[in-house]
Amino acid sequence: MATTNLIVDFLVIGVTSFVWISPVLLIVQGNKWFSVFTANSIAIGLVLLGFAYILGISISRLADDLLNRWNDKWCDQVFGKNAKPNYHNQLNFIVAKSESATDYLAYRRSIIRITRACSINFLLGTLAWIPVAVIKSVPLPRGSEIAISALSAVIFFLLIRALPVVLKGYFSTIKDIHKYLSNSTGKK
């Protein structure tokens, strides 16, 4: 189940990458690259899906590296820097004791992964659509580039504002589940 969730996460992240890949391809290829979507070919769809998956893995890794400080910041705020047991020990305890709690934490981790990576995608999308508006060599409805760039900026802002809340919630959930399981099994 966790593998399936991970595949879906990477596909979602990869598909949202098209918000910044599309303007780059428009600048390089013009409207020609849109013909790929009208080709009605299953093979082309599978190639695009594979490309989205690989891109999703890459963007997820990039986002993890770029925003890891926030992860550490919220982990330290929830657990403390010298907590006994530490975050990893509490997480391992939960994994050993409760499959349903582990599944729930995997779901919460999925939310973090998608929020973090999609925020990077929409930041890149905000920046990538600006040259399309400036060059004006791409036949799109008037002002649509600016509208897409502005919408990408709003989505980026909302996702980046949500990330600390999502991270704090995840770490607090681990702490709470560990406390509950420790008390219910008689071990502290």
C-alpha atoms as a PDB file:
ATOM      1  CA  MET A   1       0.000   0.000   0.000  1.00  0.00           C
ATOM      2  CA  ALA A   2       2.800   2.451   0.867  1.00  0.00           C
ATOM      3  CA  THR A   3       4.473   1.789  -2.498  1.00  0.00           C
ATOM      4  CA  THR A   4       1.241   2.573  -4.340  1.00  0.00           C
ATOM      5  CA  ASN A   5       0.890   5.814  -2.383  1.00  0.00           C
ATOM      6  CA  LEU A   6       4.459   6.756  -3.250  1.00  0.00           C
ATOM      7  CA  ILE A   7       3.868   6.112  -6.952  1.00  0.00           C
ATOM      8  CA  VAL A   8       0.741   8.274  -6.872  1.00  0.00           C
ATOM      9  CA  ASP A   9       2.617  11.024  -4.984  1.00  0.00           C
ATOM     10  CA  PHE A  10       5.368  11.091  -7.594  1.00  0.00           C
ATOM     11  CA  LEU A  11       2.816  11.123 -10.430  1.00  0.00           C
ATOM     12  CA  VAL A  12       0.929  14.051  -8.860  1.00  0.00           C
ATOM     13  CA  ILE A  13       4.182  15.952  -8.389  1.00  0.00           C
ATOM     14  CA  GLY A  14       5.325  15.110 -11.917  1.00  0.00           C
ATOM     15  CA  VAL A  15       2.046  16.149 -13.519  1.00  0.00           C
ATOM     16  CA  THR A  16       2.066  19.475 -11.657  1.00  0.00           C
ATOM     17  CA  SER A  17       5.567  20.017 -13.054  1.00  0.00           C
ATOM     18  CA  PHE A  18       3.906  20.683 -16.394  1.00  0.00           C
ATOM     19  CA  VAL A  19       2.948  24.109 -14.994  1.00  0.00           C
ATOM     20  CA  TRP A  20       6.563  25.165 -15.579  1.00  0.00           C
ATOM     21  CA  ILE A  21       7.526  22.737 -18.345  1.00  0.00           C
ATOM     22  CA  SER A  22       4.720  23.973 -20.620  1.00  0.00           C
ATOM     23  CA  PRO A  23       6.005  27.556 -20.926  1.00  0.00           C
ATOM     24  CA  VAL A  24       9.557  26.331 -21.478  1.00  0.00           C
ATOM     25  CA  LEU A  25       8.359  24.068 -24.299  1.00  0.00           C
ATOM     26  CA  LEU A  26       6.206  26.890 -25.695  1.00  0.00           C
ATOM     27  CA  ILE A  27       9.250  29.131 -25.936  1.00  0.00           C
ATOM     28  CA  VAL A  28      11.391  26.427 -27.513  1.00  0.00           C
ATOM     29  CA  GLN A  29       8.852  24.652 -29.733  1.00  0.00           C
ATOM     30  CA  GLY A  30       5.888  27.014 -30.010  1.00  0.00           C
ATOM     31  CA  ASN A  31       2.477  25.347 -30.202  1.00  0.00           C
ATOM     32  CA  LYS A  32       3.939  22.284 -31.971  1.00  0.00           C
ATOM     33  CA  TRP A  33       4.504  20.404 -28.730  1.00  0.00           C
ATOM     34  CA  PHE A  34       0.777  20.500 -27.897  1.00  0.00           C
ATOM     35  CA  SER A  35       0.196  18.122 -30.826  1.00  0.00           C
ATOM     36  CA  VAL A  36       1.584  15.351 -28.603  1.00  0.00           C
ATOM     37  CA  PHE A  37      -1.626  15.536 -26.553  1.00  0.00           C
ATOM     38  CA  THR A  38      -3.872  15.307 -29.597  1.00  0.00           C
ATOM     39  CA  ALA A  39      -2.126  12.279 -31.094  1.00  0.00           C
ATOM     40  CA  ASN A  40      -4.534   9.780 -29.440  1.00  0.00           C
ATOM     41  CA  SER A  41      -1.735   7.334 -28.888  1.00  0.00           C
ATOM     42  CA  ILE A  42      -1.554   5.123 -25.825  1.00  0.00           C
ATOM     43  CA  ALA A  43       2.213   4.850 -26.263  1.00  0.00           C
ATOM     44  CA  ILE A  44       2.648   8.631 -26.090  1.00  0.00           C
ATOM     45  CA  GLY A  45       0.455   8.711 -22.988  1.00  0.00           C
ATOM     46  CA  LEU A  46       2.555   6.043 -21.317  1.00  0.00           C
ATOM     47  CA  VAL A  47       5.769   7.862 -22.197  1.00  0.00           C
ATOM     48  CA  LEU A  48       4.359  11.097 -20.740  1.00  0.00           C
ATOM     49  CA  LEU A  49       3.241   9.214 -17.634  1.00  0.00           C
ATOM     50  CA  GLY A  50       6.708   7.716 -17.229  1.00  0.00           C
ATOM     51  CA  PHE A  51       8.266  11.127 -17.766  1.00  0.00           C
ATOM     52  CA  ALA A  52       5.919  12.630 -15.154  1.00  0.00           C
ATOM     53  CA  TYR A  53       6.863   9.876 -12.686  1.00  0.00           C
ATOM     54  CA  ILE A  54      10.611  10.422 -13.127  1.00  0.00           C
ATOM     55  CA  LEU A  55      10.145  14.176 -12.958  1.00  0.00           C
ATOM     56  CA  GLY A  56       8.065  13.717  -9.792  1.00  0.00           C
ATOM     57  CA  ILE A  57      10.882  11.782  -8.123  1.00  0.00           C
ATOM     58  CA  SER A  58      13.388  14.471  -9.128  1.00  0.00           C
ATOM     59  CA  ILE A  59      11.277  17.429  -7.987  1.00  0.00           C
ATOM     60  CA  SER A  60      10.433  15.652  -4.730  1.00  0.00           C
ATOM     61  CA  ARG A  61      14.148  15.162  -4.027  1.00  0.00           C
ATOM     62  CA  LEU A  62      14.918  18.779  -4.949  1.00  0.00           C
ATOM     63  CA  ALA A  63      12.128  20.088  -2.728  1.00  0.00           C
ATOM     64  CA  ASP A  64      13.259  17.853   0.118  1.00  0.00           C
ATOM     65  CA  ASP A  65      16.794  19.226  -0.153  1.00  0.00           C
ATOM     66  CA  LEU A  66      15.704  22.861  -0.466  1.00  0.00           C
ATOM     67  CA  LEU A  67      13.143  22.827   2.323  1.00  0.00           C
ATOM     68  CA  ASN A  68      14.757  20.350   4.715  1.00  0.00           C
ATOM     69  CA  ARG A  69      15.585  23.109   7.207  1.00  0.00           C
ATOM     70  CA  TRP A  70      11.877  23.604   7.856  1.00  0.00           C
ATOM     71  CA  ASN A  71      11.514  19.899   8.446  1.00  0.00           C
ATOM     72  CA  ASP A  72      14.321  19.971  11.015  1.00  0.00           C
ATOM     73  CA  LYS A  73      13.007  23.184  12.587  1.00  0.00           C
ATOM     74  CA  TRP A  74       9.549  21.766  13.248  1.00  0.00           C
ATOM     75  CA  CYS A  75      10.922  18.419  14.365  1.00  0.00           C
ATOM     76  CA  ASP A  76      13.121  20.191  16.924  1.00  0.00           C
ATOM     77  CA  GLN A  77      10.244  22.410  18.075  1.00  0.00           C
ATOM     78  CA  VAL A  78       7.914  19.473  18.641  1.00  0.00           C
ATOM     79  CA  PHE A  79      10.404  16.971  20.067  1.00  0.00           C
ATOM     80  CA  GLY A  80      13.165  19.191  21.416  1.00  0.00           C
ATOM     81  CA  LYS A  81      16.779  18.830  20.388  1.00  0.00           C
ATOM     82  CA  ASN A  82      17.711  16.276  23.071  1.00  0.00           C
ATOM     83  CA  ALA A  83      14.422  14.416  23.492  1.00  0.00           C
ATOM     84  CA  LYS A  84      14.509  10.902  24.897  1.00  0.00           C
ATOM     85  CA  PRO A  85      13.280   8.931  23.030  1.00  0.00           C
ATOM     86  CA  ASN A  86      14.062  10.983  19.950  1.00  0.00           C
ATOM     87  CA  TYR A  87      11.892  11.362  16.852  1.00  0.00           C
ATOM     88  CA  HIS A  88      13.343   8.338  15.048  1.00  0.00           C
ATOM     89  CA  ASN A  89      12.983   6.062  18.069  1.00  0.00           C
ATOM     90  CA  GLN A  90       9.381   7.147  18.560  1.00  0.00           C
ATOM     91  CA  LEU A  91       8.614   6.568  14.889  1.00  0.00           C
ATOM     92  CA  ASN A  92      10.234   3.117  14.945  1.00  0.00           C
ATOM     93  CA  PHE A  93       8.234   2.249  18.068  1.00  0.00           C
ATOM     94  CA  ILE A  94       4.995   3.216  16.291  1.00  0.00           C
ATOM     95  CA  VAL A  95       5.918   1.170  13.204  1.00  0.00           C
ATOM     96  CA  ALA A  96       6.616  -1.871  15.411  1.00  0.00           C
ATOM     97  CA  LYS A  97       3.409  -1.569  17.440  1.00  0.00           C
ATOM     98  CA  SER A  98       0.627  -0.395  15.139  1.00  0.00           C
ATOM     99  CA  GLU A  99       0.064  -1.004  11.447  1.00  0.00           C
ATOM    100  CA  SER A 100      -2.933   1.346  11.324  1.00  0.00           C
ATOM    101  CA  ALA A 101      -0.936   4.164  12.953  1.00  0.00           C
ATOM    102  CA  THR A 102       1.896   3.516  10.499  1.00  0.00           C
ATOM    103  CA  ASP A 103      -0.555   3.742   7.575  1.00  0.00           C
ATOM    104  CA  TYR A 104      -1.929   7.005   8.944  1.00  0.00           C
ATOM    105  CA  LEU A 105       1.577   8.444   9.279  1.00  0.00           C
ATOM    106  CA  ALA A 106       2.347   7.370   5.692  1.00  0.00           C
ATOM    107  CA  TYR A 107      -0.736   9.317   4.613  1.00  0.00           C
ATOM    108  CA  ARG A 108       0.462  12.379   6.563  1.00  0.00           C
ATOM    109  CA  ARG A 109       3.935  11.988   5.029  1.00  0.00           C
ATOM    110  CA  SER A 110       2.318  11.926   1.591  1.00  0.00           C
ATOM    111  CA  ILE A 111       0.676  15.281   2.311  1.00  0.00           C
ATOM    112  CA  ILE A 112       4.067  16.716   3.282  1.00  0.00           C
ATOM    113  CA  ARG A 113       5.738  15.357   0.146  1.00  0.00           C
ATOM    114  CA  ILE A 114       3.070  16.713  -2.196  1.00  0.00           C
ATOM    115  CA  THR A 115       2.833  20.092  -0.439  1.00  0.00           C
ATOM    116  CA  ARG A 116       6.579  20.597  -0.450  1.00  0.00           C
ATOM    117  CA  ALA A 117       7.223  19.487  -4.049  1.00  0.00           C
ATOM    118  CA  CYS A 118       4.179  21.155  -5.578  1.00  0.00           C
ATOM    119  CA  SER A 119       5.138  24.439  -3.923  1.00  0.00           C
ATOM    120  CA  ILE A 120       8.448  24.235  -5.814  1.00  0.00           C
ATOM    121  CA  ASN A 121       6.591  23.388  -9.041  1.00  0.00           C
ATOM    122  CA  PHE A 122       4.308  26.402  -8.703  1.00  0.00           C
ATOM    123  CA  LEU A 123       7.212  28.696  -7.826  1.00  0.00           C
ATOM    124  CA  LEU A 124       8.947  27.534 -11.012  1.00  0.00           C
ATOM    125  CA  GLY A 125       5.655  27.945 -12.871  1.00  0.00           C
ATOM    126  CA  THR A 126       5.337  31.531 -11.658  1.00  0.00           C
ATOM    127  CA  LEU A 127       8.804  32.310 -12.979  1.00  0.00           C
ATOM    128  CA  ALA A 128       8.546  30.294 -16.208  1.00  0.00           C
ATOM    129  CA  TRP A 129       5.409  32.001 -17.531  1.00  0.00           C
ATOM    130  CA  ILE A 130       6.895  35.516 -17.271  1.00  0.00           C
ATOM    131  CA  PRO A 131       9.226  35.132 -20.307  1.00  0.00           C
ATOM    132  CA  VAL A 132       6.296  33.807 -22.357  1.00  0.00           C
ATOM    133  CA  ALA A 133       4.427  37.056 -21.587  1.00  0.00           C
ATOM    134  CA  VAL A 134       7.471  39.150 -22.457  1.00  0.00           C
ATOM    135  CA  ILE A 135       8.390  37.348 -25.690  1.00  0.00           C
ATOM    136  CA  LYS A 136       4.799  37.324 -26.966  1.00  0.00           C
ATOM    137  CA  SER A 137       5.775  34.990 -29.810  1.00  0.00           C
ATOM    138  CA  VAL A 138       3.439  32.285 -28.585  1.00  0.00           C
ATOM    139  CA  PRO A 139      -0.156  32.582 -29.832  1.00  0.00           C
ATOM    140  CA  LEU A 140      -2.116  32.442 -26.587  1.00  0.00           C
ATOM    141  CA  PRO A 141      -5.146  34.501 -25.573  1.00  0.00           C
ATOM    142  CA  ARG A 142      -4.096  37.990 -24.498  1.00  0.00           C
ATOM    143  CA  GLY A 143      -2.973  38.146 -20.871  1.00  0.00           C
ATOM    144  CA  SER A 144      -3.319  34.411 -20.251  1.00  0.00           C
ATOM    145  CA  GLU A 145       0.419  34.109 -19.499  1.00  0.00           C
ATOM    146  CA  ILE A 146       0.167  36.733 -16.760  1.00  0.00           C
ATOM    147  CA  ALA A 147      -2.988  35.106 -15.389  1.00  0.00           C
ATOM    148  CA  ILE A 148      -1.313  31.684 -15.263  1.00  0.00           C
ATOM    149  CA  SER A 149       1.791  33.182 -13.656  1.00  0.00           C
ATOM    150  CA  ALA A 150      -0.321  35.017 -11.060  1.00  0.00           C
ATOM    151  CA  LEU A 151      -2.384  31.901 -10.316  1.00  0.00           C
ATOM    152  CA  SER A 152       0.824  29.887  -9.928  1.00  0.00           C
ATOM    153  CA  ALA A 153       2.128  32.534  -7.513  1.00  0.00           C
ATOM    154  CA  VAL A 154      -1.055  32.338  -5.430  1.00  0.00           C
ATOM    155  CA  ILE A 155      -0.929  28.544  -5.303  1.00  0.00           C
ATOM    156  CA  PHE A 156       2.777  28.670  -4.385  1.00  0.00           C
ATOM    157  CA  PHE A 157       2.026  31.126  -1.586  1.00  0.00           C
ATOM    158  CA  LEU A 158      -0.803  28.963  -0.223  1.00  0.00           C
ATOM    159  CA  LEU A 159       1.268  25.774  -0.344  1.00  0.00           C
ATOM    160  CA  ILE A 160       4.347  27.331   1.251  1.00  0.00           C
ATOM    161  CA  ARG A 161       2.125  28.778   4.019  1.00  0.00           C
ATOM    162  CA  ALA A 162       0.560  25.344   4.555  1.00  0.00           C
ATOM    163  CA  LEU A 163       3.891  23.536   4.813  1.00  0.00           C
ATOM    164  CA  PRO A 164       4.795  24.561   8.406  1.00  0.00           C
ATOM    165  CA  VAL A 165       1.302  23.619   9.583  1.00  0.00           C
ATOM    166  CA  VAL A 166       1.518  20.241   7.853  1.00  0.00           C
ATOM    167  CA  LEU A 167       4.995  19.562   9.262  1.00  0.00           C
ATOM    168  CA  LYS A 168       4.088  20.551  12.820  1.00  0.00           C
ATOM    169  CA  GLY A 169       0.944  18.409  12.595  1.00  0.00           C
ATOM    170  CA  TYR A 170       2.929  15.413  11.395  1.00  0.00           C
ATOM    171  CA  PHE A 171       5.522  15.613  14.168  1.00  0.00           C
ATOM    172  CA  SER A 172       2.874  16.308  16.811  1.00  0.00           C
ATOM    173  CA  THR A 173       0.931  13.273  15.603  1.00  0.00           C
ATOM    174  CA  ILE A 174       4.011  11.066  15.993  1.00  0.00           C
ATOM    175  CA  LYS A 175       4.543  12.360  19.510  1.00  0.00           C
ATOM    176  CA  ASP A 176       0.883  11.831  20.441  1.00  0.00           C
ATOM    177  CA  ILE A 177       0.657   8.336  18.931  1.00  0.00           C
ATOM    178  CA  HIS A 178       3.884   7.311  20.634  1.00  0.00           C
ATOM    179  CA  LYS A 179       2.591   8.560  23.981  1.00  0.00           C
ATOM    180  CA  TYR A 180      -0.705   6.723  23.512  1.00  0.00           C
ATOM    181  CA  LEU A 181       0.918   3.453  22.437  1.00  0.00           C
ATOM    182  CA  SER A 182       3.523   3.666  25.226  1.00  0.00           C
ATOM    183  CA  ASN A 183       0.807   4.153  27.838  1.00  0.00           C
ATOM    184  CA  SER A 184      -1.411   1.415  26.422  1.00  0.00           C
ATOM    185  CA  THR A 185       1.402  -1.142  26.365  1.00  0.00           C
ATOM    186  CA  GLY A 186       2.739  -0.159  29.771  1.00  0.00           C
ATOM    187  CA  LYS A 187       6.068   1.006  28.363  1.00  0.00           C
ATOM    188  CA  LYS A 188       7.288   4.579  28.551  1.00  0.00           C
END
